[in-house]
Amino acid sequence: MIWLELIKQAGVTLVALITVGLPLYVKVRRIDQQTTNGHAEAEFPNLRVQQDAQLDLSRQTHDQVLAVAEAQRGLERRMKRLERQTSDLRDADDATDDTLDRYQSRHARALADAVAERKRALAELSAHFERRVPELITAALASHVDTCPLRTPRH
């Protein structure tokens, strides 16, 4: 039991020392740090100004990095939009080529049909002319023979 009381008393004493000693230790460390900072400021009077300037420069650099990243995203969006427009133009060009090919094909067929129709009409006219020429020659000769003064009429 005595040992238990001794351990208990040692624990309470340790907790009391930590409770009192820790804030005191923290206070001493702060004073030491302030003294160190004070010595640093005494040795380097412009240290605070330089640190502030470095902090400002760091912030500016960070802002510039963010601005460059935003500009890059903007360029990427523009590039994607240009790629879409290029693709749309290619599609439209292909559609125009297809339409032009269909138009030319239709026009070529119409022209071929017109040529075939003209050939057929010419063939019909030629056939008609070939049939009529002998008739016309015979008729012309017959009328010429009837009116020819050298010929004597038959009685």
N, C-alpha and C. Protein backbone atom coordinates (compact mmCIF):
# COMPACT_ATOMS: atom_id res chain seq x y z
N MET A 1 0.79 -1.18 0.00
CA MET A 1 0.00 0.00 0.00
C MET A 1 0.84 1.25 0.00
N ILE A 2 1.94 1.16 0.68
CA ILE A 2 2.81 2.32 0.72
C ILE A 2 3.33 2.61 -0.68
N TRP A 3 3.62 1.55 -1.38
CA TRP A 3 4.13 1.75 -2.75
C TRP A 3 3.07 2.43 -3.62
N LEU A 4 1.89 2.06 -3.42
CA LEU A 4 0.81 2.66 -4.19
C LEU A 4 0.68 4.14 -3.85
N GLU A 5 0.81 4.49 -2.58
CA GLU A 5 0.75 5.88 -2.16
C GLU A 5 1.93 6.64 -2.72
N LEU A 6 3.10 6.04 -2.73
CA LEU A 6 4.30 6.70 -3.27
C LEU A 6 4.16 6.95 -4.77
N ILE A 7 3.65 6.00 -5.49
CA ILE A 7 3.48 6.15 -6.94
C ILE A 7 2.42 7.20 -7.22
N LYS A 8 1.38 7.20 -6.40
CA LYS A 8 0.33 8.19 -6.57
C LYS A 8 0.89 9.58 -6.31
N GLN A 9 1.67 9.74 -5.22
CA GLN A 9 2.26 11.03 -4.88
C GLN A 9 3.23 11.47 -5.96
N ALA A 10 4.00 10.54 -6.52
CA ALA A 10 4.96 10.88 -7.59
C ALA A 10 4.20 11.33 -8.84
N GLY A 11 3.09 10.70 -9.13
CA GLY A 11 2.29 11.08 -10.30
C GLY A 11 1.70 12.46 -10.13
N VAL A 12 1.18 12.76 -8.95
CA VAL A 12 0.61 14.08 -8.69
C VAL A 12 1.69 15.14 -8.78
N THR A 13 2.87 14.86 -8.23
CA THR A 13 3.98 15.80 -8.29
C THR A 13 4.41 16.03 -9.73
N LEU A 14 4.46 14.98 -10.50
CA LEU A 14 4.86 15.09 -11.92
C LEU A 14 3.84 15.92 -12.70
N VAL A 15 2.57 15.70 -12.47
CA VAL A 15 1.53 16.48 -13.14
C VAL A 15 1.65 17.95 -12.73
N ALA A 16 1.91 18.22 -11.44
CA ALA A 16 2.05 19.60 -10.97
C ALA A 16 3.25 20.26 -11.62
N LEU A 17 4.36 19.55 -11.72
CA LEU A 17 5.56 20.11 -12.36
C LEU A 17 5.30 20.40 -13.84
N ILE A 18 4.64 19.50 -14.52
CA ILE A 18 4.34 19.71 -15.94
C ILE A 18 3.39 20.87 -16.11
N THR A 19 2.38 20.95 -15.25
CA THR A 19 1.40 22.03 -15.35
C THR A 19 2.05 23.38 -15.13
N VAL A 20 2.96 23.48 -14.19
CA VAL A 20 3.63 24.75 -13.92
C VAL A 20 4.80 24.95 -14.88
N GLY A 21 5.52 23.91 -15.18
CA GLY A 21 6.75 24.04 -15.97
C GLY A 21 6.52 24.26 -17.45
N LEU A 22 5.49 23.68 -18.01
CA LEU A 22 5.26 23.81 -19.45
C LEU A 22 4.97 25.25 -19.86
N PRO A 23 4.05 25.95 -19.20
CA PRO A 23 3.86 27.35 -19.59
C PRO A 23 5.11 28.19 -19.38
N LEU A 24 5.85 27.89 -18.33
CA LEU A 24 7.10 28.62 -18.07
C LEU A 24 8.11 28.34 -19.17
N TYR A 25 8.20 27.09 -19.59
CA TYR A 25 9.11 26.72 -20.68
C TYR A 25 8.71 27.43 -21.98
N VAL A 26 7.43 27.46 -22.26
CA VAL A 26 6.95 28.13 -23.47
C VAL A 26 7.28 29.61 -23.41
N LYS A 27 7.09 30.22 -22.23
CA LYS A 27 7.38 31.64 -22.06
C LYS A 27 8.86 31.91 -22.28
N VAL A 28 9.71 31.06 -21.73
CA VAL A 28 11.16 31.22 -21.89
C VAL A 28 11.54 31.08 -23.36
N ARG A 29 10.95 30.14 -24.06
CA ARG A 29 11.25 29.93 -25.49
C ARG A 29 10.84 31.16 -26.30
N ARG A 30 9.69 31.73 -25.98
CA ARG A 30 9.24 32.93 -26.70
C ARG A 30 10.20 34.09 -26.46
N ILE A 31 10.59 34.25 -25.21
CA ILE A 31 11.54 35.34 -24.90
C ILE A 31 12.84 35.10 -25.64
N ASP A 32 13.31 33.86 -25.67
CA ASP A 32 14.55 33.53 -26.38
C ASP A 32 14.40 33.80 -27.88
N GLN A 33 13.25 33.45 -28.42
CA GLN A 33 13.01 33.67 -29.85
C GLN A 33 12.94 35.16 -30.16
N GLN A 34 12.26 35.91 -29.28
CA GLN A 34 12.20 37.36 -29.49
C GLN A 34 13.58 37.98 -29.38
N THR A 35 14.37 37.47 -28.45
CA THR A 35 15.74 37.97 -28.31
C THR A 35 16.54 37.65 -29.56
N THR A 36 16.36 36.43 -30.07
CA THR A 36 17.05 36.04 -31.30
C THR A 36 16.58 36.91 -32.45
N ASN A 37 15.26 37.12 -32.54
CA ASN A 37 14.74 37.99 -33.59
C ASN A 37 15.24 39.41 -33.40
N GLY A 38 15.30 39.85 -32.15
CA GLY A 38 15.81 41.19 -31.87
C GLY A 38 17.26 41.32 -32.28
N HIS A 39 18.07 40.28 -31.99
CA HIS A 39 19.47 40.30 -32.41
C HIS A 39 19.57 40.27 -33.93
N ALA A 40 18.69 39.48 -34.57
CA ALA A 40 18.70 39.40 -36.04
C ALA A 40 18.33 40.75 -36.62
N GLU A 41 17.34 41.42 -36.01
CA GLU A 41 16.97 42.74 -36.50
C GLU A 41 18.06 43.75 -36.24
N ALA A 42 18.76 43.58 -35.13
CA ALA A 42 19.88 44.50 -34.84
C ALA A 42 21.01 44.27 -35.83
N GLU A 43 21.28 43.00 -36.15
CA GLU A 43 22.34 42.71 -37.12
C GLU A 43 21.92 43.07 -38.53
N PHE A 44 20.67 42.78 -38.85
CA PHE A 44 20.14 43.04 -40.20
C PHE A 44 18.92 43.95 -40.08
N PRO A 45 19.15 45.26 -40.06
CA PRO A 45 18.03 46.17 -39.83
C PRO A 45 16.98 46.12 -40.94
N ASN A 46 17.35 45.74 -42.15
CA ASN A 46 16.40 45.70 -43.27
C ASN A 46 15.78 44.32 -43.46
N LEU A 47 16.00 43.44 -42.50
CA LEU A 47 15.53 42.06 -42.64
C LEU A 47 14.01 42.01 -42.80
N ARG A 48 13.29 42.76 -42.01
CA ARG A 48 11.83 42.74 -42.07
C ARG A 48 11.36 43.28 -43.43
N VAL A 49 11.99 44.34 -43.90
CA VAL A 49 11.64 44.92 -45.20
C VAL A 49 11.92 43.91 -46.31
N GLN A 50 13.06 43.22 -46.21
CA GLN A 50 13.41 42.22 -47.21
C GLN A 50 12.44 41.04 -47.17
N GLN A 51 12.07 40.62 -45.96
CA GLN A 51 11.12 39.52 -45.84
C GLN A 51 9.76 39.91 -46.42
N ASP A 52 9.33 41.14 -46.14
CA ASP A 52 8.07 41.62 -46.71
C ASP A 52 8.15 41.69 -48.23
N ALA A 53 9.29 42.16 -48.75
CA ALA A 53 9.47 42.24 -50.20
C ALA A 53 9.45 40.85 -50.82
N GLN A 54 10.11 39.89 -50.14
CA GLN A 54 10.10 38.51 -50.65
C GLN A 54 8.69 37.93 -50.62
N LEU A 55 7.95 38.24 -49.57
CA LEU A 55 6.58 37.75 -49.47
C LEU A 55 5.72 38.35 -50.58
N ASP A 56 5.89 39.65 -50.83
CA ASP A 56 5.15 40.30 -51.93
C ASP A 56 5.52 39.69 -53.27
N LEU A 57 6.82 39.47 -53.47
CA LEU A 57 7.29 38.87 -54.71
C LEU A 57 6.73 37.46 -54.87
N SER A 58 6.69 36.72 -53.78
CA SER A 58 6.13 35.37 -53.81
C SER A 58 4.64 35.42 -54.18
N ARG A 59 3.91 36.36 -53.61
CA ARG A 59 2.49 36.50 -53.94
C ARG A 59 2.30 36.88 -55.40
N GLN A 60 3.13 37.82 -55.88
CA GLN A 60 3.04 38.23 -57.28
C GLN A 60 3.33 37.06 -58.21
N THR A 61 4.36 36.30 -57.86
CA THR A 61 4.71 35.13 -58.67
C THR A 61 3.56 34.13 -58.69
N HIS A 62 2.96 33.92 -57.52
CA HIS A 62 1.82 33.00 -57.44
C HIS A 62 0.67 33.51 -58.30
N ASP A 63 0.39 34.82 -58.21
CA ASP A 63 -0.68 35.41 -59.03
C ASP A 63 -0.37 35.26 -60.52
N GLN A 64 0.91 35.45 -60.89
CA GLN A 64 1.28 35.30 -62.30
C GLN A 64 1.13 33.85 -62.75
N VAL A 65 1.49 32.92 -61.90
CA VAL A 65 1.33 31.50 -62.24
C VAL A 65 -0.15 31.19 -62.45
N LEU A 66 -1.00 31.73 -61.58
CA LEU A 66 -2.44 31.51 -61.75
C LEU A 66 -2.94 32.15 -63.04
N ALA A 67 -2.43 33.36 -63.35
CA ALA A 67 -2.85 34.04 -64.58
C ALA A 67 -2.40 33.25 -65.81
N VAL A 68 -1.18 32.73 -65.77
CA VAL A 68 -0.68 31.93 -66.90
C VAL A 68 -1.51 30.66 -67.05
N ALA A 69 -1.84 30.03 -65.93
CA ALA A 69 -2.66 28.81 -66.00
C ALA A 69 -4.04 29.12 -66.58
N GLU A 70 -4.62 30.25 -66.18
CA GLU A 70 -5.93 30.64 -66.73
C GLU A 70 -5.82 30.95 -68.21
N ALA A 71 -4.75 31.65 -68.60
CA ALA A 71 -4.54 31.95 -70.02
C ALA A 71 -4.37 30.66 -70.82
N GLN A 72 -3.67 29.70 -70.25
CA GLN A 72 -3.47 28.42 -70.94
C GLN A 72 -4.80 27.69 -71.11
N ARG A 73 -5.64 27.72 -70.07
CA ARG A 73 -6.96 27.10 -70.19
C ARG A 73 -7.78 27.80 -71.27
N GLY A 74 -7.67 29.15 -71.32
CA GLY A 74 -8.37 29.90 -72.36
C GLY A 74 -7.89 29.52 -73.75
N LEU A 75 -6.57 29.36 -73.90
CA LEU A 75 -6.02 28.95 -75.19
C LEU A 75 -6.49 27.55 -75.57
N GLU A 76 -6.53 26.67 -74.59
CA GLU A 76 -7.01 25.31 -74.87
C GLU A 76 -8.46 25.32 -75.31
N ARG A 77 -9.28 26.17 -74.66
CA ARG A 77 -10.69 26.27 -75.07
C ARG A 77 -10.78 26.81 -76.50
N ARG A 78 -9.98 27.83 -76.81
CA ARG A 78 -9.99 28.39 -78.17
C ARG A 78 -9.53 27.35 -79.18
N MET A 79 -8.50 26.59 -78.84
CA MET A 79 -8.00 25.56 -79.75
C MET A 79 -9.09 24.51 -80.01
N LYS A 80 -9.80 24.11 -78.96
CA LYS A 80 -10.87 23.14 -79.15
C LYS A 80 -11.97 23.72 -80.03
N ARG A 81 -12.31 25.01 -79.80
CA ARG A 81 -13.33 25.65 -80.63
C ARG A 81 -12.86 25.72 -82.08
N LEU A 82 -11.58 26.07 -82.31
CA LEU A 82 -11.05 26.13 -83.67
C LEU A 82 -11.04 24.74 -84.32
N GLU A 83 -10.72 23.72 -83.53
CA GLU A 83 -10.74 22.35 -84.07
C GLU A 83 -12.17 21.96 -84.47
N ARG A 84 -13.15 22.34 -83.64
CA ARG A 84 -14.55 22.05 -83.99
C ARG A 84 -14.95 22.80 -85.25
N GLN A 85 -14.55 24.07 -85.36
CA GLN A 85 -14.88 24.86 -86.55
C GLN A 85 -14.21 24.26 -87.79
N THR A 86 -12.95 23.82 -87.63
CA THR A 86 -12.24 23.20 -88.75
C THR A 86 -12.96 21.93 -89.18
N SER A 87 -13.37 21.13 -88.21
CA SER A 87 -14.10 19.90 -88.51
C SER A 87 -15.42 20.22 -89.21
N ASP A 88 -16.12 21.24 -88.71
CA ASP A 88 -17.39 21.64 -89.35
C ASP A 88 -17.15 22.10 -90.78
N LEU A 89 -16.07 22.87 -91.00
CA LEU A 89 -15.76 23.34 -92.35
C LEU A 89 -15.42 22.17 -93.27
N ARG A 90 -14.68 21.20 -92.75
CA ARG A 90 -14.36 20.01 -93.56
C ARG A 90 -15.64 19.27 -93.94
N ASP A 91 -16.52 19.10 -92.94
CA ASP A 91 -17.79 18.42 -93.21
C ASP A 91 -18.60 19.19 -94.25
N ALA A 92 -18.65 20.51 -94.11
CA ALA A 92 -19.39 21.33 -95.08
C ALA A 92 -18.74 21.24 -96.46
N ASP A 93 -17.42 21.23 -96.50
CA ASP A 93 -16.71 21.11 -97.78
C ASP A 93 -17.00 19.76 -98.43
N ASP A 94 -16.99 18.71 -97.61
CA ASP A 94 -17.32 17.38 -98.14
C ASP A 94 -18.76 17.35 -98.66
N ALA A 95 -19.67 17.96 -97.91
CA ALA A 95 -21.07 18.00 -98.35
C ALA A 95 -21.20 18.79 -99.65
N THR A 96 -20.45 19.90 -99.75
CA THR A 96 -20.48 20.70 -100.98
C THR A 96 -19.93 19.90 -102.14
N ASP A 97 -18.83 19.18 -101.90
CA ASP A 97 -18.26 18.33 -102.96
C ASP A 97 -19.27 17.27 -103.39
N ASP A 98 -19.94 16.65 -102.42
CA ASP A 98 -20.95 15.64 -102.75
C ASP A 98 -22.08 16.25 -103.56
N THR A 99 -22.54 17.43 -103.15
CA THR A 99 -23.62 18.11 -103.88
C THR A 99 -23.17 18.46 -105.28
N LEU A 100 -21.95 18.96 -105.40
CA LEU A 100 -21.41 19.32 -106.71
C LEU A 100 -21.27 18.07 -107.58
N ASP A 101 -20.80 16.98 -107.00
CA ASP A 101 -20.69 15.73 -107.77
C ASP A 101 -22.07 15.28 -108.25
N ARG A 102 -23.07 15.35 -107.36
CA ARG A 102 -24.42 14.95 -107.77
C ARG A 102 -24.93 15.88 -108.87
N TYR A 103 -24.69 17.18 -108.73
CA TYR A 103 -25.14 18.14 -109.73
C TYR A 103 -24.45 17.87 -111.07
N GLN A 104 -23.12 17.65 -111.01
CA GLN A 104 -22.39 17.38 -112.25
C GLN A 104 -22.86 16.07 -112.87
N SER A 105 -23.10 15.07 -112.05
CA SER A 105 -23.59 13.79 -112.56
C SER A 105 -24.97 13.97 -113.20
N ARG A 106 -25.85 14.70 -112.52
CA ARG A 106 -27.18 14.95 -113.05
C ARG A 106 -27.08 15.76 -114.35
N HIS A 107 -26.21 16.76 -114.36
CA HIS A 107 -26.02 17.60 -115.54
C HIS A 107 -25.45 16.76 -116.69
N ALA A 108 -24.48 15.90 -116.38
CA ALA A 108 -23.89 15.04 -117.42
C ALA A 108 -24.94 14.09 -117.98
N ARG A 109 -25.80 13.53 -117.11
CA ARG A 109 -26.86 12.64 -117.59
C ARG A 109 -27.84 13.41 -118.47
N ALA A 110 -28.19 14.62 -118.04
CA ALA A 110 -29.12 15.43 -118.84
C ALA A 110 -28.50 15.77 -120.19
N LEU A 111 -27.22 16.09 -120.18
CA LEU A 111 -26.53 16.40 -121.43
C LEU A 111 -26.46 15.17 -122.33
N ALA A 112 -26.15 14.01 -121.75
CA ALA A 112 -26.10 12.77 -122.53
C ALA A 112 -27.49 12.44 -123.08
N ASP A 113 -28.53 12.65 -122.28
CA ASP A 113 -29.89 12.41 -122.75
C ASP A 113 -30.24 13.36 -123.90
N ALA A 114 -29.83 14.63 -123.77
CA ALA A 114 -30.10 15.61 -124.84
C ALA A 114 -29.37 15.23 -126.12
N VAL A 115 -28.11 14.80 -126.00
CA VAL A 115 -27.34 14.39 -127.18
C VAL A 115 -28.00 13.17 -127.82
N ALA A 116 -28.41 12.21 -127.00
CA ALA A 116 -29.08 11.01 -127.53
C ALA A 116 -30.37 11.39 -128.23
N GLU A 117 -31.14 12.32 -127.64
CA GLU A 117 -32.39 12.77 -128.26
C GLU A 117 -32.11 13.45 -129.59
N ARG A 118 -31.07 14.27 -129.65
CA ARG A 118 -30.72 14.95 -130.91
C ARG A 118 -30.28 13.94 -131.97
N LYS A 119 -29.52 12.93 -131.54
CA LYS A 119 -29.08 11.89 -132.49
C LYS A 119 -30.29 11.13 -133.01
N ARG A 120 -31.22 10.81 -132.12
CA ARG A 120 -32.42 10.10 -132.54
C ARG A 120 -33.24 10.95 -133.51
N ALA A 121 -33.39 12.25 -133.18
CA ALA A 121 -34.14 13.14 -134.07
C ALA A 121 -33.43 13.27 -135.41
N LEU A 122 -32.11 13.36 -135.38
CA LEU A 122 -31.34 13.45 -136.62
C LEU A 122 -31.49 12.16 -137.43
N ALA A 123 -31.48 11.01 -136.75
CA ALA A 123 -31.65 9.74 -137.45
C ALA A 123 -33.04 9.66 -138.07
N GLU A 124 -34.07 10.11 -137.33
CA GLU A 124 -35.42 10.11 -137.89
C GLU A 124 -35.51 11.05 -139.09
N LEU A 125 -34.91 12.23 -138.93
CA LEU A 125 -34.92 13.20 -140.03
C LEU A 125 -34.18 12.65 -141.24
N SER A 126 -33.05 12.00 -140.99
CA SER A 126 -32.27 11.41 -142.07
C SER A 126 -33.07 10.30 -142.76
N ALA A 127 -33.71 9.45 -141.96
CA ALA A 127 -34.52 8.37 -142.53
C ALA A 127 -35.68 8.94 -143.32
N HIS A 128 -36.33 9.96 -142.78
CA HIS A 128 -37.43 10.60 -143.47
C HIS A 128 -36.93 11.23 -144.77
N PHE A 129 -35.79 11.89 -144.68
CA PHE A 129 -35.22 12.53 -145.87
C PHE A 129 -34.86 11.48 -146.92
N GLU A 130 -34.28 10.36 -146.48
CA GLU A 130 -33.91 9.30 -147.42
C GLU A 130 -35.14 8.70 -148.08
N ARG A 131 -36.26 8.61 -147.36
CA ARG A 131 -37.50 8.11 -147.95
C ARG A 131 -38.11 9.13 -148.90
N ARG A 132 -38.06 10.38 -148.52
CA ARG A 132 -38.73 11.42 -149.30
C ARG A 132 -37.92 11.85 -150.52
N VAL A 133 -36.61 11.77 -150.48
CA VAL A 133 -35.80 12.25 -151.61
C VAL A 133 -36.15 11.51 -152.90
N PRO A 134 -36.22 10.19 -152.90
CA PRO A 134 -36.60 9.54 -154.16
C PRO A 134 -37.99 9.95 -154.62
N GLU A 135 -38.92 10.11 -153.67
CA GLU A 135 -40.27 10.54 -154.05
C GLU A 135 -40.22 11.93 -154.66
N LEU A 136 -39.46 12.83 -154.01
CA LEU A 136 -39.35 14.20 -154.51
C LEU A 136 -38.66 14.24 -155.88
N ILE A 137 -37.63 13.43 -156.03
CA ILE A 137 -36.93 13.39 -157.33
C ILE A 137 -37.88 12.87 -158.41
N THR A 138 -38.59 11.82 -158.09
CA THR A 138 -39.54 11.26 -159.04
C THR A 138 -40.62 12.28 -159.37
N ALA A 139 -41.14 12.95 -158.36
CA ALA A 139 -42.18 13.96 -158.58
C ALA A 139 -41.63 15.12 -159.38
N ALA A 140 -40.41 15.53 -159.08
CA ALA A 140 -39.81 16.65 -159.81
C ALA A 140 -39.56 16.26 -161.25
N LEU A 141 -39.09 15.07 -161.47
CA LEU A 141 -38.84 14.62 -162.83
C LEU A 141 -40.16 14.48 -163.60
N ALA A 142 -41.15 13.97 -162.88
CA ALA A 142 -42.45 13.81 -163.54
C ALA A 142 -43.02 15.15 -163.91
N SER A 143 -42.93 16.12 -163.04
CA SER A 143 -43.46 17.44 -163.37
C SER A 143 -42.59 18.11 -164.42
N HIS A 144 -41.33 17.82 -164.42
CA HIS A 144 -40.42 18.41 -165.40
C HIS A 144 -40.67 17.79 -166.77
N VAL A 145 -40.92 16.53 -166.76
CA VAL A 145 -41.19 15.84 -168.02
C VAL A 145 -42.48 16.35 -168.62
N ASP A 146 -43.48 16.59 -167.78
CA ASP A 146 -44.77 17.07 -168.28
C ASP A 146 -44.65 18.47 -168.84
N THR A 147 -43.78 19.24 -168.33
CA THR A 147 -43.66 20.63 -168.78
C THR A 147 -42.52 20.82 -169.75
N CYS A 148 -41.84 19.81 -170.05
CA CYS A 148 -40.68 19.92 -170.94
C CYS A 148 -41.17 20.17 -172.37
N PRO A 149 -40.68 21.22 -173.07
CA PRO A 149 -41.12 21.53 -174.41
C PRO A 149 -40.62 20.53 -175.44
N LEU A 150 -39.61 19.81 -175.14
CA LEU A 150 -39.06 18.87 -176.10
C LEU A 150 -39.90 17.61 -176.20
N ARG A 151 -40.63 17.41 -175.31
CA ARG A 151 -41.41 16.19 -175.28
C ARG A 151 -42.76 16.44 -175.91
N THR A 152 -43.13 15.56 -176.61
CA THR A 152 -44.43 15.70 -177.27
C THR A 152 -45.42 14.87 -176.50
N PRO A 153 -46.56 15.42 -176.35
CA PRO A 153 -47.56 14.69 -175.61
C PRO A 153 -48.03 13.47 -176.40
N ARG A 154 -48.39 12.48 -175.76
CA ARG A 154 -48.90 11.27 -176.37
C ARG A 154 -50.39 11.39 -176.53
N HIS A 155 -50.79 10.95 -177.66
CA HIS A 155 -52.23 11.05 -177.90
C HIS A 155 -52.81 9.73 -178.02
